[in-house]
Amino acid sequence: MPVPVPMTAPAMLAQIAAQADSQRQVSVRAERAQLKIGSDALSLAVTSSHAGYVYIAMAGSDGHTTLLFPNALDGQHRIGAGQTLVLPRPAWRLVAGGPPGTNRLLVAVTDRPRDLALLAGAPAGPFTQAQDDGDGRRRLQRLLADTAFGATTLDVHEVR
């Protein structure tokens, strides 16, 4: 009997996005799809067809899954229908930290705020890092896919 292969973090984020309500359109645009490690900062524009609460999770090139937004520096994650939210805001930045590779971002807009304690992850600076196991992935999925939500993914590449 074959041993099941564990789902990768990028695949799990894509799976969450696939569960989104197709009537709730979320789009995300990166200022740059390729970031130079140590110098370029991530900049995103998020738009939603429905009002709600924005959450951004990243399966990083370092192998960790991190909830980037909301975070300890910026908890104002409400978005109006048709509005565009530009992140990060001036109070915080996300400079590419490597290693070289692809970061998959999941941008979800939920109908109500979520209890971030459900993630039960470790602090990683102002962000929350999900446990890097099946339980951590299930917690992230429950956090984001609990009720009606819209979502999309975006890949951002880090280079030397």
N, C-alpha and C. Protein backbone atom coordinates (compact mmCIF):
# COMPACT_ATOMS: atom_id res chain seq x y z
N MET A 1 0.84 -1.18 0.00
CA MET A 1 0.00 0.00 0.00
C MET A 1 0.89 1.25 0.00
N PRO A 2 0.65 2.17 -0.95
CA PRO A 2 1.51 3.35 -1.03
C PRO A 2 1.31 4.26 0.18
N VAL A 3 2.40 4.90 0.59
CA VAL A 3 2.36 5.85 1.70
C VAL A 3 1.88 7.18 1.14
N PRO A 4 0.85 7.79 1.77
CA PRO A 4 0.37 9.07 1.26
C PRO A 4 1.44 10.15 1.39
N VAL A 5 1.54 10.97 0.36
CA VAL A 5 2.49 12.07 0.37
C VAL A 5 1.82 13.26 1.05
N PRO A 6 2.48 13.86 2.06
CA PRO A 6 1.87 15.01 2.73
C PRO A 6 1.68 16.17 1.76
N MET A 7 0.61 16.91 1.94
CA MET A 7 0.34 18.06 1.09
C MET A 7 1.34 19.17 1.40
N THR A 8 1.88 19.78 0.37
CA THR A 8 2.79 20.90 0.57
C THR A 8 2.00 22.13 0.99
N ALA A 9 2.67 23.07 1.62
CA ALA A 9 2.01 24.32 2.04
C ALA A 9 1.47 25.10 0.83
N PRO A 10 2.23 25.25 -0.27
CA PRO A 10 1.66 25.96 -1.42
C PRO A 10 0.41 25.27 -1.97
N ALA A 11 0.41 23.94 -2.01
CA ALA A 11 -0.76 23.20 -2.50
C ALA A 11 -1.95 23.40 -1.56
N MET A 12 -1.68 23.44 -0.26
CA MET A 12 -2.76 23.65 0.70
C MET A 12 -3.39 25.04 0.52
N LEU A 13 -2.57 26.06 0.28
CA LEU A 13 -3.13 27.40 0.05
C LEU A 13 -3.96 27.43 -1.22
N ALA A 14 -3.51 26.73 -2.26
CA ALA A 14 -4.29 26.64 -3.50
C ALA A 14 -5.60 25.91 -3.25
N GLN A 15 -5.57 24.88 -2.41
CA GLN A 15 -6.78 24.12 -2.09
C GLN A 15 -7.78 25.00 -1.34
N ILE A 16 -7.31 25.81 -0.41
CA ILE A 16 -8.21 26.73 0.31
C ILE A 16 -8.85 27.70 -0.69
N ALA A 17 -8.05 28.26 -1.58
CA ALA A 17 -8.58 29.20 -2.58
C ALA A 17 -9.63 28.53 -3.45
N ALA A 18 -9.45 27.26 -3.76
CA ALA A 18 -10.41 26.53 -4.60
C ALA A 18 -11.75 26.33 -3.90
N GLN A 19 -11.77 26.43 -2.57
CA GLN A 19 -13.01 26.27 -1.81
C GLN A 19 -13.81 27.57 -1.69
N ALA A 20 -13.27 28.66 -2.19
CA ALA A 20 -13.90 29.96 -2.06
C ALA A 20 -15.21 30.02 -2.84
N ASP A 21 -16.09 30.90 -2.40
CA ASP A 21 -17.36 31.17 -3.07
C ASP A 21 -17.07 31.90 -4.38
N SER A 22 -17.46 31.32 -5.49
CA SER A 22 -17.17 31.91 -6.80
C SER A 22 -17.88 33.25 -7.02
N GLN A 23 -18.88 33.55 -6.23
CA GLN A 23 -19.57 34.84 -6.34
C GLN A 23 -18.82 35.97 -5.64
N ARG A 24 -17.85 35.61 -4.82
CA ARG A 24 -17.06 36.59 -4.07
C ARG A 24 -15.70 36.72 -4.75
N GLN A 25 -15.57 37.74 -5.57
CA GLN A 25 -14.36 37.92 -6.35
C GLN A 25 -13.31 38.71 -5.56
N VAL A 26 -12.13 38.13 -5.47
CA VAL A 26 -11.00 38.77 -4.82
C VAL A 26 -9.87 38.81 -5.84
N SER A 27 -9.25 39.98 -5.98
CA SER A 27 -8.09 40.07 -6.87
C SER A 27 -6.94 40.69 -6.10
N VAL A 28 -5.75 40.28 -6.46
CA VAL A 28 -4.54 40.82 -5.84
C VAL A 28 -3.53 41.07 -6.94
N ARG A 29 -2.87 42.19 -6.83
CA ARG A 29 -1.84 42.56 -7.80
C ARG A 29 -0.60 42.95 -7.02
N ALA A 30 0.53 42.39 -7.41
CA ALA A 30 1.81 42.74 -6.79
C ALA A 30 2.47 43.82 -7.63
N GLU A 31 3.08 44.79 -6.97
CA GLU A 31 3.82 45.81 -7.69
C GLU A 31 4.93 45.16 -8.51
N ARG A 32 5.55 44.11 -7.91
CA ARG A 32 6.59 43.34 -8.59
C ARG A 32 6.33 41.86 -8.34
N ALA A 33 6.46 41.05 -9.37
CA ALA A 33 6.29 39.59 -9.21
C ALA A 33 7.60 38.92 -8.84
N GLN A 34 8.70 39.70 -8.93
CA GLN A 34 10.02 39.18 -8.58
C GLN A 34 10.70 40.20 -7.66
N LEU A 35 11.18 39.71 -6.52
CA LEU A 35 11.78 40.59 -5.52
C LEU A 35 13.24 40.20 -5.30
N LYS A 36 14.11 41.20 -5.24
CA LYS A 36 15.52 40.96 -4.95
C LYS A 36 15.69 40.85 -3.43
N ILE A 37 16.28 39.74 -3.00
CA ILE A 37 16.47 39.46 -1.58
C ILE A 37 17.32 40.55 -0.94
N GLY A 38 16.83 41.03 0.20
CA GLY A 38 17.55 42.04 0.97
C GLY A 38 17.29 43.47 0.57
N SER A 39 16.58 43.69 -0.54
CA SER A 39 16.36 45.08 -0.94
C SER A 39 14.93 45.39 -1.38
N ASP A 40 14.28 44.51 -2.11
CA ASP A 40 12.94 44.80 -2.62
C ASP A 40 11.87 44.45 -1.59
N ALA A 41 10.88 45.31 -1.49
CA ALA A 41 9.77 45.09 -0.57
C ALA A 41 8.52 44.67 -1.34
N LEU A 42 7.75 43.80 -0.71
CA LEU A 42 6.48 43.36 -1.28
C LEU A 42 5.47 44.50 -1.18
N SER A 43 4.73 44.72 -2.24
CA SER A 43 3.65 45.70 -2.24
C SER A 43 2.48 45.10 -3.00
N LEU A 44 1.31 45.06 -2.34
CA LEU A 44 0.13 44.42 -2.91
C LEU A 44 -1.05 45.37 -2.95
N ALA A 45 -1.91 45.19 -3.93
CA ALA A 45 -3.19 45.88 -4.01
C ALA A 45 -4.27 44.80 -4.04
N VAL A 46 -5.13 44.80 -3.02
CA VAL A 46 -6.19 43.80 -2.87
C VAL A 46 -7.53 44.47 -3.12
N THR A 47 -8.36 43.86 -3.97
CA THR A 47 -9.70 44.35 -4.25
C THR A 47 -10.69 43.22 -4.04
N SER A 48 -11.86 43.55 -3.49
CA SER A 48 -12.87 42.54 -3.22
C SER A 48 -14.24 43.01 -3.72
N SER A 49 -14.99 42.09 -4.27
CA SER A 49 -16.35 42.41 -4.72
C SER A 49 -17.31 42.57 -3.54
N HIS A 50 -16.96 41.98 -2.40
CA HIS A 50 -17.80 42.01 -1.21
C HIS A 50 -17.03 42.64 -0.05
N ALA A 51 -17.75 43.30 0.83
CA ALA A 51 -17.14 43.81 2.05
C ALA A 51 -16.73 42.64 2.92
N GLY A 52 -15.69 42.82 3.70
CA GLY A 52 -15.26 41.75 4.59
C GLY A 52 -13.95 42.07 5.26
N TYR A 53 -13.23 41.00 5.59
CA TYR A 53 -11.98 41.09 6.34
C TYR A 53 -10.88 40.38 5.56
N VAL A 54 -9.78 41.08 5.32
CA VAL A 54 -8.68 40.57 4.51
C VAL A 54 -7.71 39.78 5.37
N TYR A 55 -7.32 38.61 4.87
CA TYR A 55 -6.29 37.78 5.49
C TYR A 55 -5.31 37.38 4.39
N ILE A 56 -4.01 37.46 4.72
CA ILE A 56 -2.99 37.06 3.77
C ILE A 56 -2.08 36.04 4.45
N ALA A 57 -2.04 34.84 3.87
CA ALA A 57 -1.14 33.79 4.34
C ALA A 57 -0.10 33.55 3.27
N MET A 58 1.13 33.19 3.70
CA MET A 58 2.20 32.95 2.75
C MET A 58 2.88 31.62 3.04
N ALA A 59 2.97 30.79 2.01
CA ALA A 59 3.82 29.61 2.05
C ALA A 59 5.15 30.08 1.46
N GLY A 60 6.11 30.32 2.34
CA GLY A 60 7.35 30.97 1.93
C GLY A 60 8.37 30.05 1.31
N SER A 61 9.31 30.65 0.61
CA SER A 61 10.42 29.90 0.01
C SER A 61 11.29 29.26 1.09
N ASP A 62 11.13 29.72 2.35
CA ASP A 62 11.88 29.14 3.47
C ASP A 62 11.20 27.90 4.04
N GLY A 63 10.04 27.54 3.48
CA GLY A 63 9.33 26.34 3.94
C GLY A 63 8.33 26.59 5.03
N HIS A 64 8.21 27.82 5.52
CA HIS A 64 7.27 28.13 6.60
C HIS A 64 5.99 28.75 6.04
N THR A 65 4.89 28.50 6.73
CA THR A 65 3.62 29.13 6.39
C THR A 65 3.33 30.19 7.44
N THR A 66 3.12 31.42 7.00
CA THR A 66 3.00 32.56 7.90
C THR A 66 1.75 33.36 7.57
N LEU A 67 1.03 33.76 8.61
CA LEU A 67 -0.07 34.70 8.43
C LEU A 67 0.54 36.09 8.45
N LEU A 68 0.57 36.75 7.29
CA LEU A 68 1.19 38.06 7.17
C LEU A 68 0.27 39.19 7.58
N PHE A 69 -1.03 38.99 7.36
CA PHE A 69 -1.99 40.07 7.61
C PHE A 69 -3.33 39.49 7.98
N PRO A 70 -3.96 39.98 9.04
CA PRO A 70 -3.52 41.03 9.95
C PRO A 70 -2.34 40.57 10.79
N ASN A 71 -1.68 41.52 11.43
CA ASN A 71 -0.51 41.20 12.23
C ASN A 71 -0.43 42.12 13.45
N ALA A 72 0.60 41.96 14.24
CA ALA A 72 0.74 42.73 15.48
C ALA A 72 0.94 44.22 15.22
N LEU A 73 1.34 44.60 14.03
CA LEU A 73 1.54 46.01 13.69
C LEU A 73 0.34 46.64 13.02
N ASP A 74 -0.53 45.82 12.46
CA ASP A 74 -1.65 46.33 11.67
C ASP A 74 -2.82 45.35 11.72
N GLY A 75 -3.80 45.67 12.52
CA GLY A 75 -4.96 44.81 12.66
C GLY A 75 -6.19 45.34 11.93
N GLN A 76 -6.05 46.46 11.22
CA GLN A 76 -7.17 47.06 10.50
C GLN A 76 -7.32 46.38 9.15
N HIS A 77 -8.08 45.29 9.11
CA HIS A 77 -8.14 44.50 7.88
C HIS A 77 -9.52 44.49 7.24
N ARG A 78 -10.37 45.44 7.58
CA ARG A 78 -11.69 45.57 6.96
C ARG A 78 -11.52 46.17 5.57
N ILE A 79 -12.30 45.64 4.62
CA ILE A 79 -12.32 46.17 3.26
C ILE A 79 -13.77 46.32 2.83
N GLY A 80 -14.08 47.39 2.13
CA GLY A 80 -15.43 47.61 1.62
C GLY A 80 -15.59 46.97 0.25
N ALA A 81 -16.83 46.74 -0.14
CA ALA A 81 -17.11 46.18 -1.46
C ALA A 81 -16.57 47.12 -2.54
N GLY A 82 -15.80 46.57 -3.47
CA GLY A 82 -15.24 47.36 -4.55
C GLY A 82 -14.03 48.19 -4.18
N GLN A 83 -13.63 48.19 -2.92
CA GLN A 83 -12.48 48.96 -2.48
C GLN A 83 -11.18 48.24 -2.80
N THR A 84 -10.11 49.02 -2.87
CA THR A 84 -8.77 48.46 -3.02
C THR A 84 -7.97 48.82 -1.77
N LEU A 85 -7.36 47.81 -1.20
CA LEU A 85 -6.52 47.97 -0.01
C LEU A 85 -5.08 47.77 -0.43
N VAL A 86 -4.22 48.76 -0.20
CA VAL A 86 -2.80 48.67 -0.55
C VAL A 86 -2.03 48.28 0.70
N LEU A 87 -1.27 47.19 0.58
CA LEU A 87 -0.51 46.66 1.72
C LEU A 87 0.92 46.39 1.28
N PRO A 88 1.86 46.42 2.20
CA PRO A 88 1.70 46.85 3.57
C PRO A 88 1.52 48.36 3.66
N ARG A 89 0.98 48.78 4.78
CA ARG A 89 0.81 50.20 5.06
C ARG A 89 2.15 50.74 5.57
N PRO A 90 2.27 52.07 5.71
CA PRO A 90 3.56 52.66 6.10
C PRO A 90 4.13 52.16 7.44
N ALA A 91 3.32 51.64 8.33
CA ALA A 91 3.81 51.20 9.65
C ALA A 91 4.64 49.91 9.58
N TRP A 92 4.57 49.21 8.47
CA TRP A 92 5.32 47.96 8.36
C TRP A 92 5.69 47.70 6.91
N ARG A 93 6.78 46.93 6.72
CA ARG A 93 7.25 46.57 5.39
C ARG A 93 7.59 45.09 5.37
N LEU A 94 7.59 44.53 4.19
CA LEU A 94 7.98 43.14 3.98
C LEU A 94 9.09 43.10 2.93
N VAL A 95 10.33 43.13 3.40
CA VAL A 95 11.47 43.07 2.49
C VAL A 95 11.78 41.60 2.24
N ALA A 96 12.04 41.26 0.99
CA ALA A 96 12.36 39.87 0.63
C ALA A 96 13.54 39.39 1.46
N GLY A 97 13.33 38.26 2.17
CA GLY A 97 14.36 37.76 3.06
C GLY A 97 14.99 36.46 2.63
N GLY A 98 14.51 35.90 1.52
CA GLY A 98 15.08 34.66 1.02
C GLY A 98 14.61 33.45 1.80
N PRO A 99 15.08 32.33 1.39
CA PRO A 99 16.04 32.04 0.33
C PRO A 99 15.40 32.21 -1.05
N PRO A 100 16.23 32.15 -2.10
CA PRO A 100 15.65 32.25 -3.45
C PRO A 100 14.59 31.17 -3.65
N GLY A 101 13.54 31.54 -4.31
CA GLY A 101 12.46 30.60 -4.58
C GLY A 101 11.14 31.31 -4.70
N THR A 102 10.07 30.54 -4.62
CA THR A 102 8.72 31.06 -4.82
C THR A 102 7.96 31.10 -3.51
N ASN A 103 7.32 32.23 -3.26
CA ASN A 103 6.39 32.39 -2.14
C ASN A 103 4.99 32.37 -2.73
N ARG A 104 4.13 31.51 -2.20
CA ARG A 104 2.73 31.52 -2.63
C ARG A 104 1.93 32.27 -1.58
N LEU A 105 1.19 33.27 -2.04
CA LEU A 105 0.32 34.05 -1.16
C LEU A 105 -1.12 33.64 -1.38
N LEU A 106 -1.85 33.47 -0.30
CA LEU A 106 -3.29 33.28 -0.34
C LEU A 106 -3.90 34.54 0.23
N VAL A 107 -4.73 35.21 -0.56
CA VAL A 107 -5.44 36.39 -0.09
C VAL A 107 -6.91 36.01 0.00
N ALA A 108 -7.44 36.07 1.22
CA ALA A 108 -8.84 35.71 1.46
C ALA A 108 -9.58 36.89 2.05
N VAL A 109 -10.82 37.04 1.66
CA VAL A 109 -11.70 38.05 2.25
C VAL A 109 -12.88 37.28 2.82
N THR A 110 -13.00 37.33 4.14
CA THR A 110 -14.03 36.58 4.85
C THR A 110 -15.19 37.50 5.21
N ASP A 111 -16.35 36.89 5.43
CA ASP A 111 -17.53 37.70 5.74
C ASP A 111 -17.52 38.25 7.16
N ARG A 112 -16.74 37.64 8.04
CA ARG A 112 -16.64 38.14 9.43
C ARG A 112 -15.21 37.94 9.91
N PRO A 113 -14.81 38.69 10.94
CA PRO A 113 -13.44 38.52 11.43
C PRO A 113 -13.26 37.14 12.06
N ARG A 114 -12.04 36.64 12.00
CA ARG A 114 -11.71 35.33 12.53
C ARG A 114 -10.94 35.48 13.85
N ASP A 115 -11.00 34.45 14.67
CA ASP A 115 -10.25 34.41 15.92
C ASP A 115 -8.86 33.85 15.61
N LEU A 116 -7.85 34.71 15.62
CA LEU A 116 -6.51 34.29 15.24
C LEU A 116 -5.91 33.30 16.23
N ALA A 117 -6.48 33.21 17.43
CA ALA A 117 -6.00 32.22 18.40
C ALA A 117 -6.20 30.81 17.88
N LEU A 118 -7.14 30.62 16.95
CA LEU A 118 -7.37 29.31 16.35
C LEU A 118 -6.12 28.79 15.65
N LEU A 119 -5.32 29.70 15.11
CA LEU A 119 -4.11 29.30 14.40
C LEU A 119 -3.08 28.68 15.36
N ALA A 120 -3.04 29.19 16.59
CA ALA A 120 -2.14 28.66 17.62
C ALA A 120 -0.71 28.51 17.12
N GLY A 121 -0.28 29.47 16.34
CA GLY A 121 1.08 29.42 15.81
C GLY A 121 2.06 30.18 16.67
N ALA A 122 3.31 30.10 16.30
CA ALA A 122 4.37 30.79 17.02
C ALA A 122 4.57 32.18 16.44
N PRO A 123 4.90 33.16 17.29
CA PRO A 123 5.18 34.48 16.74
C PRO A 123 6.44 34.45 15.89
N ALA A 124 6.41 35.15 14.78
CA ALA A 124 7.57 35.32 13.91
C ALA A 124 7.67 36.82 13.66
N GLY A 125 8.22 37.52 14.64
CA GLY A 125 8.18 38.98 14.61
C GLY A 125 6.73 39.40 14.82
N PRO A 126 6.24 40.31 14.01
CA PRO A 126 4.84 40.75 14.17
C PRO A 126 3.83 39.79 13.54
N PHE A 127 4.32 38.74 12.90
CA PHE A 127 3.46 37.81 12.18
C PHE A 127 3.25 36.53 12.99
N THR A 128 2.33 35.69 12.53
CA THR A 128 2.08 34.40 13.18
C THR A 128 2.47 33.29 12.22
N GLN A 129 3.31 32.41 12.68
CA GLN A 129 3.76 31.29 11.86
C GLN A 129 2.94 30.06 12.21
N ALA A 130 2.32 29.46 11.21
CA ALA A 130 1.53 28.25 11.42
C ALA A 130 2.46 27.09 11.74
N GLN A 131 1.96 26.16 12.52
CA GLN A 131 2.74 24.95 12.77
C GLN A 131 2.98 24.25 11.44
N ASP A 132 4.19 23.75 11.25
CA ASP A 132 4.54 23.14 9.98
C ASP A 132 4.25 21.64 10.00
N ASP A 133 2.97 21.33 10.17
CA ASP A 133 2.54 19.93 10.16
C ASP A 133 1.08 19.89 9.73
N GLY A 134 0.53 18.71 9.68
CA GLY A 134 -0.87 18.56 9.26
C GLY A 134 -1.83 19.32 10.14
N ASP A 135 -1.58 19.33 11.45
CA ASP A 135 -2.47 20.04 12.37
C ASP A 135 -2.43 21.55 12.10
N GLY A 136 -1.24 22.08 11.87
CA GLY A 136 -1.11 23.51 11.58
C GLY A 136 -1.83 23.88 10.29
N ARG A 137 -1.72 23.03 9.29
CA ARG A 137 -2.41 23.30 8.03
C ARG A 137 -3.93 23.22 8.19
N ARG A 138 -4.40 22.26 8.98
CA ARG A 138 -5.85 22.16 9.24
C ARG A 138 -6.35 23.40 9.99
N ARG A 139 -5.56 23.88 10.93
CA ARG A 139 -5.94 25.08 11.69
C ARG A 139 -6.04 26.30 10.75
N LEU A 140 -5.09 26.43 9.85
CA LEU A 140 -5.12 27.55 8.91
C LEU A 140 -6.34 27.43 8.00
N GLN A 141 -6.64 26.24 7.56
CA GLN A 141 -7.80 26.02 6.70
C GLN A 141 -9.09 26.37 7.45
N ARG A 142 -9.20 25.94 8.71
CA ARG A 142 -10.40 26.26 9.49
C ARG A 142 -10.50 27.76 9.74
N LEU A 143 -9.36 28.40 9.95
CA LEU A 143 -9.35 29.84 10.19
C LEU A 143 -9.93 30.59 8.99
N LEU A 144 -9.50 30.23 7.79
CA LEU A 144 -9.87 31.00 6.60
C LEU A 144 -11.13 30.49 5.91
N ALA A 145 -11.41 29.21 5.97
CA ALA A 145 -12.51 28.64 5.19
C ALA A 145 -13.70 28.27 6.06
N ASP A 146 -13.85 28.94 7.19
CA ASP A 146 -14.91 28.61 8.14
C ASP A 146 -16.30 28.94 7.62
N THR A 147 -16.49 30.11 7.05
CA THR A 147 -17.78 30.54 6.50
C THR A 147 -17.52 31.15 5.12
N ALA A 148 -18.51 31.85 4.59
CA ALA A 148 -18.38 32.41 3.25
C ALA A 148 -17.13 33.28 3.12
N PHE A 149 -16.40 33.04 2.02
CA PHE A 149 -15.20 33.83 1.78
C PHE A 149 -14.87 33.79 0.29
N GLY A 150 -14.14 34.80 -0.13
CA GLY A 150 -13.57 34.82 -1.47
C GLY A 150 -12.06 34.72 -1.33
N ALA A 151 -11.38 34.22 -2.34
CA ALA A 151 -9.93 34.07 -2.22
C ALA A 151 -9.28 33.94 -3.58
N THR A 152 -8.00 34.22 -3.58
CA THR A 152 -7.15 34.03 -4.75
C THR A 152 -5.73 33.77 -4.27
N THR A 153 -4.90 33.28 -5.15
CA THR A 153 -3.49 33.09 -4.83
C THR A 153 -2.62 33.89 -5.80
N LEU A 154 -1.40 34.12 -5.36
CA LEU A 154 -0.43 34.86 -6.17
C LEU A 154 0.94 34.33 -5.82
N ASP A 155 1.77 34.06 -6.81
CA ASP A 155 3.14 33.63 -6.58
C ASP A 155 4.07 34.82 -6.77
N VAL A 156 4.98 34.98 -5.81
CA VAL A 156 6.00 36.04 -5.86
C VAL A 156 7.35 35.34 -5.72
N HIS A 157 8.27 35.68 -6.60
CA HIS A 157 9.57 35.00 -6.65
C HIS A 157 10.65 35.86 -5.99
N GLU A 158 11.48 35.23 -5.18
CA GLU A 158 12.61 35.90 -4.55
C GLU A 158 13.89 35.46 -5.26
N VAL A 159 14.72 36.43 -5.63
CA VAL A 159 15.96 36.15 -6.35
C VAL A 159 17.11 36.90 -5.70
N ARG A 160 18.32 36.41 -5.96
CA ARG A 160 19.54 37.09 -5.42
C ARG A 160 19.85 38.33 -6.22
